[in-house]
Amino acid sequence: MGNPNFDKNGLDGTGTHWFQYLAFGFTLFFFLIIWLYFRDYNFQLFIENIFKVLNCSSFNCNGVY
């Protein structure tokens, strides 16, 4: 799986490493999730339900539901 636009060190023609593009994409995704969390109440409930499932995924549920 190679890309001819990057050299052997992972740099493109402008000198940007491929990992910088990946970090930029994750940063945009992170800010989008935060914006949606505070903007949309249904999305906030969805995220809270995900945290409840993750918290209760072991044997020590302690009445979360």
Protein backbone atom coordinates (compact mmCIF):
# COMPACT_ATOMS: atom_id res chain seq x y z
CA MET A 1 0.00 0.00 0.00
CA GLY A 2 2.07 2.87 -1.25
CA ASN A 3 1.38 6.37 -2.41
CA PRO A 4 3.68 7.88 -5.05
CA ASN A 5 3.06 11.39 -3.68
CA PHE A 6 5.12 10.65 -0.55
CA ASP A 7 8.82 9.86 -0.45
CA LYS A 8 10.49 7.14 1.63
CA ASN A 9 10.46 9.39 4.72
CA GLY A 10 6.72 10.06 4.43
CA LEU A 11 7.03 13.64 3.15
CA ASP A 12 5.07 15.07 0.24
CA GLY A 13 6.21 17.76 -2.19
CA THR A 14 5.64 20.61 0.27
CA GLY A 15 7.53 18.87 3.10
CA THR A 16 4.46 17.86 5.10
CA HIS A 17 4.55 14.44 6.72
CA TRP A 18 1.58 12.13 6.17
CA PHE A 19 1.05 11.92 9.95
CA GLN A 20 0.44 15.68 10.07
CA TYR A 21 -2.50 15.21 7.69
CA LEU A 22 -3.83 12.43 9.92
CA ALA A 23 -3.47 14.56 13.06
CA PHE A 24 -5.26 17.45 11.34
CA GLY A 25 -8.13 15.15 10.38
CA PHE A 26 -8.46 13.81 13.93
CA THR A 27 -8.42 17.36 15.31
CA LEU A 28 -11.24 18.42 13.00
CA PHE A 29 -13.24 15.32 13.93
CA PHE A 30 -12.67 16.00 17.65
CA PHE A 31 -13.88 19.60 17.37
CA LEU A 32 -16.90 18.48 15.36
CA ILE A 33 -17.84 15.99 18.08
CA ILE A 34 -17.49 18.66 20.79
CA TRP A 35 -19.55 21.15 18.76
CA LEU A 36 -22.29 18.57 18.19
CA TYR A 37 -22.28 17.61 21.86
CA PHE A 38 -23.12 21.15 22.95
CA ARG A 39 -25.34 21.99 19.97
CA ASP A 40 -27.66 18.98 19.66
CA TYR A 41 -29.43 17.52 22.70
CA ASN A 42 -30.11 14.15 20.99
CA PHE A 43 -26.41 13.78 20.19
CA GLN A 44 -25.60 14.61 23.82
CA LEU A 45 -27.92 11.80 24.97
CA PHE A 46 -26.31 9.47 22.44
CA ILE A 47 -22.81 10.21 23.78
CA GLU A 48 -23.99 9.83 27.38
CA ASN A 49 -25.51 6.45 26.53
CA ILE A 50 -22.21 5.37 24.98
CA PHE A 51 -20.41 6.34 28.21
CA LYS A 52 -22.98 4.43 30.27
CA VAL A 53 -22.46 1.30 28.17
CA LEU A 54 -18.68 1.64 28.42
CA ASN A 55 -18.90 2.19 32.17
CA CYS A 56 -21.24 -0.76 32.62
CA SER A 57 -19.40 -3.10 30.23
CA SER A 58 -17.66 -4.93 33.10
CA PHE A 59 -19.21 -6.82 35.99
CA ASN A 60 -19.37 -3.82 38.34
CA CYS A 61 -22.42 -2.03 36.90
CA ASN A 62 -23.59 -0.74 40.33
CA GLY A 63 -27.07 0.23 39.13
CA VAL A 64 -26.14 2.55 36.28
CA TYR A 65 -29.30 1.57 34.46
